[in-house]
C-alpha atoms as a PDB file:
ATOM      1  CA  MET A   1      16.038  -7.403 149.642  1.00  0.00           C
ATOM      2  CA  ASN A   2      19.815  -7.892 149.537  1.00  0.00           C
ATOM      3  CA  MET A   3      21.742 -11.037 150.344  1.00  0.00           C
ATOM      4  CA  GLU A   4      24.726 -11.229 152.681  1.00  0.00           C
ATOM      5  CA  ILE A   5      28.070 -10.185 151.243  1.00  0.00           C
ATOM      6  CA  ASN A   6      29.458 -13.757 151.454  1.00  0.00           C
ATOM      7  CA  GLU A   7      26.721 -14.867 149.051  1.00  0.00           C
ATOM      8  CA  ARG A   8      27.716 -12.341 146.430  1.00  0.00           C
ATOM      9  CA  ILE A   9      29.633 -13.308 143.292  1.00  0.00           C
ATOM     10  CA  LYS A  10      32.228 -10.905 141.905  1.00  0.00           C
ATOM     11  CA  LEU A  11      31.952  -9.967 138.235  1.00  0.00           C
ATOM     12  CA  LYS A  12      34.149  -8.289 135.646  1.00  0.00           C
ATOM     13  CA  VAL A  13      33.398  -6.569 132.338  1.00  0.00           C
ATOM     14  CA  VAL A  14      34.350  -8.968 129.534  1.00  0.00           C
ATOM     15  CA  GLY A  15      33.219  -6.953 126.532  1.00  0.00           C
ATOM     16  CA  LEU A  16      30.455  -5.596 124.333  1.00  0.00           C
ATOM     17  CA  THR A  17      28.736  -7.017 121.306  1.00  0.00           C
ATOM     18  CA  TYR A  18      25.697  -6.159 119.219  1.00  0.00           C
ATOM     19  CA  SER A  19      22.515  -7.538 120.739  1.00  0.00           C
ATOM     20  CA  GLN A  20      20.902 -10.421 118.876  1.00  0.00           C
ATOM     21  CA  ILE A  21      17.708  -9.905 120.884  1.00  0.00           C
ATOM     22  CA  GLN A  22      16.897  -6.213 120.524  1.00  0.00           C
ATOM     23  CA  SER A  23      17.575  -4.129 117.423  1.00  0.00           C
ATOM     24  CA  GLY A  24      19.693  -1.039 118.015  1.00  0.00           C
ATOM     25  CA  ALA A  25      20.869  -2.310 121.391  1.00  0.00           C
ATOM     26  CA  TYR A  26      24.045  -3.892 122.680  1.00  0.00           C
ATOM     27  CA  ALA A  27      24.853  -6.780 124.977  1.00  0.00           C
ATOM     28  CA  LEU A  28      27.234  -5.981 127.806  1.00  0.00           C
ATOM     29  CA  ILE A  29      28.976  -9.217 128.785  1.00  0.00           C
ATOM     30  CA  LEU A  30      29.805  -9.592 132.473  1.00  0.00           C
ATOM     31  CA  GLY A  31      31.977 -12.507 133.492  1.00  0.00           C
ATOM     32  CA  GLN A  32      32.293 -14.361 136.790  1.00  0.00           C
ATOM     33  CA  VAL A  33      35.707 -13.680 138.307  1.00  0.00           C
ATOM     34  CA  ASP A  34      37.618 -16.983 138.486  1.00  0.00           C
ATOM     35  CA  GLY A  35      34.594 -18.808 137.110  1.00  0.00           C
ATOM     36  CA  PRO A  36      32.999 -19.931 133.817  1.00  0.00           C
ATOM     37  CA  TYR A  37      29.717 -17.981 133.872  1.00  0.00           C
ATOM     38  CA  ARG A  38      28.944 -15.016 131.611  1.00  0.00           C
ATOM     39  CA  ILE A  39      25.902 -12.737 131.949  1.00  0.00           C
ATOM     40  CA  PRO A  40      24.606 -10.765 128.925  1.00  0.00           C
ATOM     41  CA  VAL A  41      22.961  -7.459 129.861  1.00  0.00           C
ATOM     42  CA  VAL A  42      21.080  -5.633 127.091  1.00  0.00           C
ATOM     43  CA  ILE A  43      21.886  -1.899 127.162  1.00  0.00           C
ATOM     44  CA  GLY A  44      21.246   1.110 124.926  1.00  0.00           C
ATOM     45  CA  ALA A  45      23.668   2.639 122.439  1.00  0.00           C
ATOM     46  CA  PRO A  46      24.600   5.742 124.530  1.00  0.00           C
ATOM     47  CA  GLU A  47      25.512   3.601 127.545  1.00  0.00           C
ATOM     48  CA  ALA A  48      27.393   1.164 125.298  1.00  0.00           C
ATOM     49  CA  GLN A  49      29.404   4.036 123.844  1.00  0.00           C
ATOM     50  CA  SER A  50      30.210   5.338 127.305  1.00  0.00           C
ATOM     51  CA  ILE A  51      31.428   1.928 128.449  1.00  0.00           C
ATOM     52  CA  ALA A  52      33.298   1.297 125.191  1.00  0.00           C
ATOM     53  CA  ILE A  53      35.374   4.458 125.229  1.00  0.00           C
ATOM     54  CA  GLU A  54      36.450   3.760 128.804  1.00  0.00           C
ATOM     55  CA  ILE A  55      37.367   0.148 127.994  1.00  0.00           C
ATOM     56  CA  GLU A  56      39.392   1.269 124.986  1.00  0.00           C
ATOM     57  CA  GLY A  57      41.013   4.175 126.822  1.00  0.00           C
ATOM     58  CA  ILE A  58      39.609   6.811 124.468  1.00  0.00           C
ATOM     59  CA  ILE A  59      39.532  10.355 125.852  1.00  0.00           C
ATOM     60  CA  PRO A  60      36.575  12.324 124.422  1.00  0.00           C
ATOM     61  CA  PRO A  61      37.047  16.050 123.717  1.00  0.00           C
ATOM     62  CA  ARG A  62      34.337  16.833 126.282  1.00  0.00           C
ATOM     63  CA  PRO A  63      33.381  14.858 129.403  1.00  0.00           C
ATOM     64  CA  MET A  64      30.504  12.441 129.005  1.00  0.00           C
ATOM     65  CA  THR A  65      27.817  12.138 131.681  1.00  0.00           C
ATOM     66  CA  HIS A  66      29.538   9.267 133.498  1.00  0.00           C
ATOM     67  CA  ASP A  67      32.874  11.116 133.387  1.00  0.00           C
ATOM     68  CA  LEU A  68      31.189  14.133 134.947  1.00  0.00           C
ATOM     69  CA  PHE A  69      29.701  11.955 137.674  1.00  0.00           C
ATOM     70  CA  GLU A  70      33.125  10.481 138.442  1.00  0.00           C
ATOM     71  CA  SER A  71      34.673  13.956 138.658  1.00  0.00           C
ATOM     72  CA  PHE A  72      31.854  15.100 140.942  1.00  0.00           C
ATOM     73  CA  THR A  73      32.375  12.249 143.419  1.00  0.00           C
ATOM     74  CA  HIS A  74      36.127  12.788 143.488  1.00  0.00           C
ATOM     75  CA  ALA A  75      35.714  16.523 144.042  1.00  0.00           C
ATOM     76  CA  PHE A  76      33.573  15.920 147.131  1.00  0.00           C
ATOM     77  CA  GLY A  77      35.595  13.006 148.500  1.00  0.00           C
ATOM     78  CA  ILE A  78      32.928  10.402 147.787  1.00  0.00           C
ATOM     79  CA  LYS A  79      33.946   6.852 146.897  1.00  0.00           C
ATOM     80  CA  LEU A  80      31.932   4.189 145.112  1.00  0.00           C
ATOM     81  CA  LEU A  81      32.450   1.084 147.231  1.00  0.00           C
ATOM     82  CA  GLN A  82      30.627  -1.375 145.013  1.00  0.00           C
ATOM     83  CA  VAL A  83      27.946  -2.061 142.429  1.00  0.00           C
ATOM     84  CA  TYR A  84      25.475  -4.795 143.334  1.00  0.00           C
ATOM     85  CA  ILE A  85      23.174  -6.397 140.746  1.00  0.00           C
ATOM     86  CA  TYR A  86      20.626  -7.698 143.202  1.00  0.00           C
ATOM     87  CA  LYS A  87      17.550  -8.658 141.156  1.00  0.00           C
ATOM     88  CA  PHE A  88      16.472  -9.882 137.721  1.00  0.00           C
ATOM     89  CA  GLU A  89      12.782  -9.521 136.927  1.00  0.00           C
ATOM     90  CA  ASP A  90      10.820  -9.370 133.669  1.00  0.00           C
ATOM     91  CA  GLY A  91      14.053  -9.248 131.671  1.00  0.00           C
ATOM     92  CA  ILE A  92      15.486  -6.319 133.653  1.00  0.00           C
ATOM     93  CA  PHE A  93      18.550  -6.325 135.907  1.00  0.00           C
ATOM     94  CA  TYR A  94      18.234  -4.149 139.016  1.00  0.00           C
ATOM     95  CA  SER A  95      21.361  -2.615 140.529  1.00  0.00           C
ATOM     96  CA  GLU A  96      22.392  -0.423 143.423  1.00  0.00           C
ATOM     97  CA  LEU A  97      25.514   1.578 144.168  1.00  0.00           C
ATOM     98  CA  THR A  98      27.038   1.906 147.640  1.00  0.00           C
ATOM     99  CA  PHE A  99      28.822   5.216 148.240  1.00  0.00           C
ATOM    100  CA  SER A 100      30.882   6.392 151.205  1.00  0.00           C
ATOM    101  CA  ASP A 101      32.204   9.786 152.224  1.00  0.00           C
ATOM    102  CA  GLY A 102      34.332   8.272 154.991  1.00  0.00           C
ATOM    103  CA  ASP A 103      31.720   8.811 157.697  1.00  0.00           C
ATOM    104  CA  ARG A 104      28.589   7.240 156.302  1.00  0.00           C
ATOM    105  CA  GLN A 105      27.425   4.949 153.527  1.00  0.00           C
ATOM    106  CA  ILE A 106      24.538   5.597 151.161  1.00  0.00           C
ATOM    107  CA  VAL A 107      22.933   3.051 148.812  1.00  0.00           C
ATOM    108  CA  LEU A 108      21.334   4.360 145.620  1.00  0.00           C
ATOM    109  CA  ASP A 109      19.302   2.530 143.002  1.00  0.00           C
ATOM    110  CA  ALA A 110      20.577   2.778 139.420  1.00  0.00           C
ATOM    111  CA  ARG A 111      20.178   1.338 135.962  1.00  0.00           C
ATOM    112  CA  THR A 112      22.688  -1.473 135.544  1.00  0.00           C
ATOM    113  CA  SER A 113      24.212   0.130 132.440  1.00  0.00           C
ATOM    114  CA  ASP A 114      24.864   3.382 134.306  1.00  0.00           C
ATOM    115  CA  ALA A 115      26.175   1.518 137.337  1.00  0.00           C
ATOM    116  CA  ILE A 116      28.694  -0.428 135.238  1.00  0.00           C
ATOM    117  CA  ALA A 117      29.780   2.690 133.316  1.00  0.00           C
ATOM    118  CA  ILE A 118      30.576   4.397 136.628  1.00  0.00           C
ATOM    119  CA  ALA A 119      32.171   1.289 138.149  1.00  0.00           C
ATOM    120  CA  ILE A 120      34.731   0.855 135.366  1.00  0.00           C
ATOM    121  CA  ARG A 121      35.702   4.530 135.645  1.00  0.00           C
ATOM    122  CA  THR A 122      36.202   4.336 139.400  1.00  0.00           C
ATOM    123  CA  LYS A 123      37.617   0.789 139.288  1.00  0.00           C
ATOM    124  CA  SER A 124      34.966  -0.321 141.764  1.00  0.00           C
ATOM    125  CA  PRO A 125      33.992  -3.989 142.261  1.00  0.00           C
ATOM    126  CA  ILE A 126      30.810  -5.422 140.751  1.00  0.00           C
ATOM    127  CA  PHE A 127      28.807  -8.161 142.453  1.00  0.00           C
ATOM    128  CA  THR A 128      25.684 -10.215 141.863  1.00  0.00           C
ATOM    129  CA  THR A 129      23.907 -13.145 143.512  1.00  0.00           C
ATOM    130  CA  THR A 130      24.434 -16.834 142.849  1.00  0.00           C
ATOM    131  CA  GLU A 131      20.790 -17.088 141.778  1.00  0.00           C
ATOM    132  CA  ILE A 132      21.123 -14.366 139.136  1.00  0.00           C
ATOM    133  CA  LEU A 133      24.389 -15.851 137.903  1.00  0.00           C
ATOM    134  CA  THR A 134      22.930 -19.316 137.368  1.00  0.00           C
ATOM    135  CA  THR A 135      19.514 -18.266 136.040  1.00  0.00           C
ATOM    136  CA  THR A 136      20.622 -15.577 133.571  1.00  0.00           C
ATOM    137  CA  GLY A 137      24.183 -16.625 132.774  1.00  0.00           C
ATOM    138  CA  PHE A 138      25.765 -19.089 130.382  1.00  0.00           C
ATOM    139  CA  VAL A 139      29.013 -21.019 130.587  1.00  0.00           C
ATOM    140  CA  LEU A 140      31.888 -20.043 128.323  1.00  0.00           C
ATOM    141  CA  ASP A 141      35.113 -22.003 128.142  1.00  0.00           C
ATOM    142  CA  SER A 142      37.351 -19.011 127.481  1.00  0.00           C
ATOM    143  CA  ASP A 143      37.255 -15.226 127.245  1.00  0.00           C
ATOM    144  CA  ASN A 144      36.764 -15.050 123.497  1.00  0.00           C
ATOM    145  CA  VAL A 145      34.191 -12.262 123.526  1.00  0.00           C
ATOM    146  CA  ALA A 146      35.897  -9.419 121.645  1.00  0.00           C
ATOM    147  CA  THR A 147      35.191  -5.950 122.873  1.00  0.00           C
ATOM    148  CA  LEU A 148      32.934  -4.186 120.412  1.00  0.00           C
ATOM    149  CA  ARG A 149      33.019  -7.031 117.888  1.00  0.00           C
ATOM    150  CA  SER A 150      30.575  -6.292 115.056  1.00  0.00           C
ATOM    151  CA  ASP A 151      27.956  -8.950 114.353  1.00  0.00           C
ATOM    152  CA  HIS A 152      26.120  -6.933 111.685  1.00  0.00           C
ATOM    153  CA  ASP A 153      25.217  -8.525 108.352  1.00  0.00           C
ATOM    154  CA  GLU A 154      27.050  -7.865 105.090  1.00  0.00           C
ATOM    155  CA  ASP A 155      24.958  -4.793 104.288  1.00  0.00           C
ATOM    156  CA  SER A 156      25.945  -3.019 107.491  1.00  0.00           C
ATOM    157  CA  GLU A 157      28.307  -0.073 107.460  1.00  0.00           C
ATOM    158  CA  MET A 158      29.993  -1.497 110.535  1.00  0.00           C
ATOM    159  CA  ASN A 159      30.940  -4.572 108.498  1.00  0.00           C
ATOM    160  CA  ALA A 160      33.737  -2.425 107.070  1.00  0.00           C
ATOM    161  CA  GLN A 161      35.864  -3.539 110.017  1.00  0.00           C
ATOM    162  CA  PRO A 162      37.753  -6.275 108.068  1.00  0.00           C
ATOM    163  CA  LYS A 163      38.799  -3.633 105.516  1.00  0.00           C
ATOM    164  CA  LEU A 164      40.060  -1.415 108.323  1.00  0.00           C
ATOM    165  CA  GLU A 165      42.373  -4.241 109.367  1.00  0.00           C
ATOM    166  CA  ASN A 166      44.411  -3.525 106.225  1.00  0.00           C
ATOM    167  CA  TYR A 167      45.038   0.110 107.174  1.00  0.00           C
ATOM    168  CA  ALA A 168      48.383   1.181 108.596  1.00  0.00           C
ATOM    169  CA  ILE A 169      48.371   2.186 112.252  1.00  0.00           C
ATOM    170  CA  GLU A 170      49.057   5.818 111.292  1.00  0.00           C
ATOM    171  CA  GLU A 171      46.000   5.835 109.006  1.00  0.00           C
ATOM    172  CA  LEU A 172      43.856   4.273 111.708  1.00  0.00           C
ATOM    173  CA  GLU A 173      45.011   6.847 114.260  1.00  0.00           C
ATOM    174  CA  SER A 174      44.060   9.665 111.878  1.00  0.00           C
ATOM    175  CA  LEU A 175      40.636   8.115 111.327  1.00  0.00           C
ATOM    176  CA  LEU A 176      40.266   7.600 115.079  1.00  0.00           C
ATOM    177  CA  ALA A 177      40.922  11.292 115.728  1.00  0.00           C
ATOM    178  CA  LYS A 178      38.234  12.290 113.211  1.00  0.00           C
ATOM    179  CA  HIS A 179      35.630  10.068 114.842  1.00  0.00           C
ATOM    180  CA  ILE A 180      36.477  11.429 118.282  1.00  0.00           C
ATOM    181  CA  ASP A 181      36.223  15.017 117.042  1.00  0.00           C
ATOM    182  CA  ASN A 182      32.786  14.185 115.622  1.00  0.00           C
ATOM    183  CA  GLU A 183      31.839  12.448 118.897  1.00  0.00           C
ATOM    184  CA  GLU A 184      31.299   9.175 117.006  1.00  0.00           C
ATOM    185  CA  TYR A 185      32.480   7.072 119.904  1.00  0.00           C
ATOM    186  CA  GLU A 186      31.064   3.758 118.742  1.00  0.00           C
ATOM    187  CA  GLU A 187      33.135   3.860 115.545  1.00  0.00           C
ATOM    188  CA  ALA A 188      36.127   5.233 117.451  1.00  0.00           C
ATOM    189  CA  ALA A 189      36.082   2.323 119.876  1.00  0.00           C
ATOM    190  CA  VAL A 190      36.067  -0.206 117.025  1.00  0.00           C
ATOM    191  CA  ILE A 191      39.073   1.479 115.426  1.00  0.00           C
ATOM    192  CA  GLN A 192      40.877   1.695 118.759  1.00  0.00           C
ATOM    193  CA  GLU A 193      40.442  -2.056 119.215  1.00  0.00           C
ATOM    194  CA  ILE A 194      41.996  -2.701 115.786  1.00  0.00           C
ATOM    195  CA  ILE A 195      44.935  -0.435 116.638  1.00  0.00           C
ATOM    196  CA  ASN A 196      45.467  -2.276 119.906  1.00  0.00           C
ATOM    197  CA  ARG A 197      45.413  -5.651 118.136  1.00  0.00           C
ATOM    198  CA  LYS A 198      47.917  -4.475 115.538  1.00  0.00           C
ATOM    199  CA  ARG A 199      50.270  -3.132 118.190  1.00  0.00           C
ATOM    200  CA  ASN A 200      50.008  -6.319 120.245  1.00  0.00           C
ATOM    201  CA  SER A 201      50.773  -8.424 117.158  1.00  0.00           C
ATOM    202  CA  SER A 202      53.828  -6.331 116.275  1.00  0.00           C
ATOM    203  CA  ASN A 203      55.198  -6.689 119.816  1.00  0.00           C
ATOM    204  CA  LYS A 204      55.089 -10.482 119.764  1.00  0.00           C
END
């Protein structure tokens, strides 16, 4: 089923955007390391939120499922060696995770969204095949996919993002705390991105 390791292409998480294909879903963008290809993976809102809060460095008041899984593996001395996206069939990406306890390795099948959410928490490498990269990917000249950029229409509540750009950082941080307390992680991640952009601009 799997190809040899030297035929595997390393990927990185580039960002998240709203899916143009499936309503209520998101597109997780994976990028080829040191290469031009990008792979869009359609995932659900809960998985998108889990990935988003980790990307943005948001700490939820209570551990999410993927946080709990990470804590469990650490507690028992288990390490995630890699995530491997090994097949694409009927619009679905198939992934497996390779774990090690130091003595043996175990390979488990997983949804790609869950596998990526765990990989970014454990800082584990992500791989795919050349075939999947070329058949499902597209070429992008630069990394201009903004994490959690809203592509909703003008009637969407999320289209309030441009107005949020005018808020002071202190106001945004207060709003961020409220969203986190209410476990509204999607909105929190958008606000965190704006805060990061403002801080980066002020440091230039």
